[in-house]
Amino acid sequence: MITLFLLTLRFAVFSPRIIHYILRFSNGFSEILQISLAF
C-alpha cells in the first residue's frame, strides 16, 4: 500500500514532464503524417 502511494506520488511529480513529451511526440507525429500525406 505504501509503495503504491509512493508510485502515485512519483508519477504525480513526473507526469507534467511525461505529458509534455507526449504532446511534443504527438505534434511531431502529426506533422510527419501531414508531410507523408502531401507526397
PDB file of N, CA and C in Angstrom:
ATOM      1  N   MET A   1       0.839  -1.204   0.000  1.00  0.00           N
ATOM      2  CA  MET A   1       0.000   0.000   0.000  1.00  0.00           C
ATOM      3  C   MET A   1       0.876   1.257   0.000  1.00  0.00           C
ATOM      4  N   ILE A   2       1.920   1.223   0.811  1.00  0.00           N
ATOM      5  CA  ILE A   2       2.814   2.390   0.879  1.00  0.00           C
ATOM      6  C   ILE A   2       3.564   2.555  -0.440  1.00  0.00           C
ATOM      7  N   THR A   3       3.961   1.427  -1.036  1.00  0.00           N
ATOM      8  CA  THR A   3       4.681   1.512  -2.312  1.00  0.00           C
ATOM      9  C   THR A   3       3.779   2.067  -3.400  1.00  0.00           C
ATOM     10  N   LEU A   4       2.496   1.708  -3.360  1.00  0.00           N
ATOM     11  CA  LEU A   4       1.544   2.238  -4.335  1.00  0.00           C
ATOM     12  C   LEU A   4       1.420   3.751  -4.180  1.00  0.00           C
ATOM     13  N   PHE A   5       1.395   4.220  -2.926  1.00  0.00           N
ATOM     14  CA  PHE A   5       1.326   5.652  -2.671  1.00  0.00           C
ATOM     15  C   PHE A   5       2.579   6.354  -3.177  1.00  0.00           C
ATOM     16  N   LEU A   6       3.740   5.738  -2.968  1.00  0.00           N
ATOM     17  CA  LEU A   6       4.987   6.331  -3.445  1.00  0.00           C
ATOM     18  C   LEU A   6       5.033   6.364  -4.963  1.00  0.00           C
ATOM     19  N   LEU A   7       4.519   5.308  -5.604  1.00  0.00           N
ATOM     20  CA  LEU A   7       4.491   5.289  -7.067  1.00  0.00           C
ATOM     21  C   LEU A   7       3.581   6.376  -7.607  1.00  0.00           C
ATOM     22  N   THR A   8       2.411   6.548  -7.001  1.00  0.00           N
ATOM     23  CA  THR A   8       1.498   7.597  -7.461  1.00  0.00           C
ATOM     24  C   THR A   8       2.088   8.975  -7.198  1.00  0.00           C
ATOM     25  N   LEU A   9       2.803   9.119  -6.085  1.00  0.00           N
ATOM     26  CA  LEU A   9       3.437  10.399  -5.772  1.00  0.00           C
ATOM     27  C   LEU A   9       4.527  10.710  -6.794  1.00  0.00           C
ATOM     28  N   ARG A  10       5.335   9.700  -7.113  1.00  0.00           N
ATOM     29  CA  ARG A  10       6.394   9.886  -8.103  1.00  0.00           C
ATOM     30  C   ARG A  10       5.803  10.204  -9.470  1.00  0.00           C
ATOM     31  N   PHE A  11       4.713   9.522  -9.826  1.00  0.00           N
ATOM     32  CA  PHE A  11       4.072   9.790 -11.115  1.00  0.00           C
ATOM     33  C   PHE A  11       3.471  11.190 -11.138  1.00  0.00           C
ATOM     34  N   ALA A  12       2.937  11.650  -9.996  1.00  0.00           N
ATOM     35  CA  ALA A  12       2.372  12.997  -9.927  1.00  0.00           C
ATOM     36  C   ALA A  12       3.472  14.044 -10.099  1.00  0.00           C
ATOM     37  N   VAL A  13       4.680  13.726  -9.631  1.00  0.00           N
ATOM     38  CA  VAL A  13       5.799  14.655  -9.794  1.00  0.00           C
ATOM     39  C   VAL A  13       6.263  14.673 -11.244  1.00  0.00           C
ATOM     40  N   PHE A  14       6.346  13.484 -11.860  1.00  0.00           N
ATOM     41  CA  PHE A  14       6.912  13.393 -13.200  1.00  0.00           C
ATOM     42  C   PHE A  14       5.880  13.501 -14.308  1.00  0.00           C
ATOM     43  N   SER A  15       4.580  13.481 -13.982  1.00  0.00           N
ATOM     44  CA  SER A  15       3.559  13.466 -15.029  1.00  0.00           C
ATOM     45  C   SER A  15       3.555  14.720 -15.909  1.00  0.00           C
ATOM     46  N   PRO A  16       3.792  15.935 -15.393  1.00  0.00           N
ATOM     47  CA  PRO A  16       3.820  17.087 -16.305  1.00  0.00           C
ATOM     48  C   PRO A  16       4.893  16.944 -17.382  1.00  0.00           C
ATOM     49  N   ARG A  17       6.062  16.434 -16.996  1.00  0.00           N
ATOM     50  CA  ARG A  17       7.136  16.237 -17.966  1.00  0.00           C
ATOM     51  C   ARG A  17       6.747  15.160 -18.967  1.00  0.00           C
ATOM     52  N   ILE A  18       6.122  14.076 -18.476  1.00  0.00           N
ATOM     53  CA  ILE A  18       5.683  12.995 -19.365  1.00  0.00           C
ATOM     54  C   ILE A  18       4.627  13.513 -20.329  1.00  0.00           C
ATOM     55  N   ILE A  19       3.665  14.294 -19.823  1.00  0.00           N
ATOM     56  CA  ILE A  19       2.613  14.859 -20.680  1.00  0.00           C
ATOM     57  C   ILE A  19       3.240  15.794 -21.713  1.00  0.00           C
ATOM     58  N   HIS A  20       4.253  16.567 -21.295  1.00  0.00           N
ATOM     59  CA  HIS A  20       4.936  17.476 -22.219  1.00  0.00           C
ATOM     60  C   HIS A  20       5.599  16.694 -23.352  1.00  0.00           C
ATOM     61  N   TYR A  21       6.292  15.597 -23.007  1.00  0.00           N
ATOM     62  CA  TYR A  21       6.938  14.783 -24.042  1.00  0.00           C
ATOM     63  C   TYR A  21       5.923  14.118 -24.946  1.00  0.00           C
ATOM     64  N   ILE A  22       4.789  13.647 -24.370  1.00  0.00           N
ATOM     65  CA  ILE A  22       3.747  13.013 -25.185  1.00  0.00           C
ATOM     66  C   ILE A  22       3.155  14.028 -26.157  1.00  0.00           C
ATOM     67  N   LEU A  23       2.934  15.263 -25.697  1.00  0.00           N
ATOM     68  CA  LEU A  23       2.389  16.294 -26.581  1.00  0.00           C
ATOM     69  C   LEU A  23       3.378  16.624 -27.695  1.00  0.00           C
ATOM     70  N   ARG A  24       4.658  16.736 -27.359  1.00  0.00           N
ATOM     71  CA  ARG A  24       5.665  17.009 -28.392  1.00  0.00           C
ATOM     72  C   ARG A  24       5.733  15.871 -29.392  1.00  0.00           C
ATOM     73  N   PHE A  25       5.663  14.629 -28.903  1.00  0.00           N
ATOM     74  CA  PHE A  25       5.731  13.476 -29.795  1.00  0.00           C
ATOM     75  C   PHE A  25       4.514  13.425 -30.708  1.00  0.00           C
ATOM     76  N   SER A  26       3.321  13.702 -30.155  1.00  0.00           N
ATOM     77  CA  SER A  26       2.102  13.651 -30.975  1.00  0.00           C
ATOM     78  C   SER A  26       2.103  14.777 -32.003  1.00  0.00           C
ATOM     79  N   ASN A  27       2.633  15.943 -31.645  1.00  0.00           N
ATOM     80  CA  ASN A  27       2.722  17.042 -32.610  1.00  0.00           C
ATOM     81  C   ASN A  27       3.679  16.689 -33.737  1.00  0.00           C
ATOM     82  N   GLY A  28       4.832  16.129 -33.406  1.00  0.00           N
ATOM     83  CA  GLY A  28       5.792  15.723 -34.425  1.00  0.00           C
ATOM     84  C   GLY A  28       5.229  14.613 -35.295  1.00  0.00           C
ATOM     85  N   PHE A  29       4.473  13.691 -34.691  1.00  0.00           N
ATOM     86  CA  PHE A  29       3.894  12.585 -35.456  1.00  0.00           C
ATOM     87  C   PHE A  29       2.844  13.102 -36.425  1.00  0.00           C
ATOM     88  N   SER A  30       2.034  14.074 -36.007  1.00  0.00           N
ATOM     89  CA  SER A  30       1.008  14.627 -36.901  1.00  0.00           C
ATOM     90  C   SER A  30       1.660  15.399 -38.048  1.00  0.00           C
ATOM     91  N   GLU A  31       2.780  16.091 -37.774  1.00  0.00           N
ATOM     92  CA  GLU A  31       3.486  16.792 -38.847  1.00  0.00           C
ATOM     93  C   GLU A  31       4.056  15.801 -39.854  1.00  0.00           C
ATOM     94  N   ILE A  32       4.639  14.704 -39.375  1.00  0.00           N
ATOM     95  CA  ILE A  32       5.172  13.668 -40.276  1.00  0.00           C
ATOM     96  C   ILE A  32       4.039  13.064 -41.095  1.00  0.00           C
ATOM     97  N   LEU A  33       2.884  12.867 -40.454  1.00  0.00           N
ATOM     98  CA  LEU A  33       1.738  12.295 -41.159  1.00  0.00           C
ATOM     99  C   LEU A  33       1.257  13.250 -42.250  1.00  0.00           C
ATOM    100  N   GLN A  34       1.211  14.547 -41.963  1.00  0.00           N
ATOM    101  CA  GLN A  34       0.783  15.524 -42.961  1.00  0.00           C
ATOM    102  C   GLN A  34       1.779  15.578 -44.119  1.00  0.00           C
ATOM    103  N   ILE A  35       3.073  15.507 -43.817  1.00  0.00           N
ATOM    104  CA  ILE A  35       4.091  15.532 -44.876  1.00  0.00           C
ATOM    105  C   ILE A  35       3.974  14.293 -45.747  1.00  0.00           C
ATOM    106  N   SER A  36       3.750  13.128 -45.116  1.00  0.00           N
ATOM    107  CA  SER A  36       3.640  11.889 -45.896  1.00  0.00           C
ATOM    108  C   SER A  36       2.360  11.886 -46.722  1.00  0.00           C
ATOM    109  N   LEU A  37       1.300  12.527 -46.226  1.00  0.00           N
ATOM    110  CA  LEU A  37       0.063  12.607 -46.999  1.00  0.00           C
ATOM    111  C   LEU A  37       0.200  13.603 -48.146  1.00  0.00           C
ATOM    112  N   ALA A  38       1.088  14.603 -47.983  1.00  0.00           N
ATOM    113  CA  ALA A  38       1.245  15.614 -49.027  1.00  0.00           C
ATOM    114  C   ALA A  38       1.928  15.032 -50.263  1.00  0.00           C
ATOM    115  N   PHE A  39       2.782  14.013 -50.077  1.00  0.00           N
ATOM    116  CA  PHE A  39       3.503  13.440 -51.216  1.00  0.00           C
ATOM    117  C   PHE A  39       2.620  12.562 -52.075  1.00  0.00           C
TER     118      PHE A  39
END
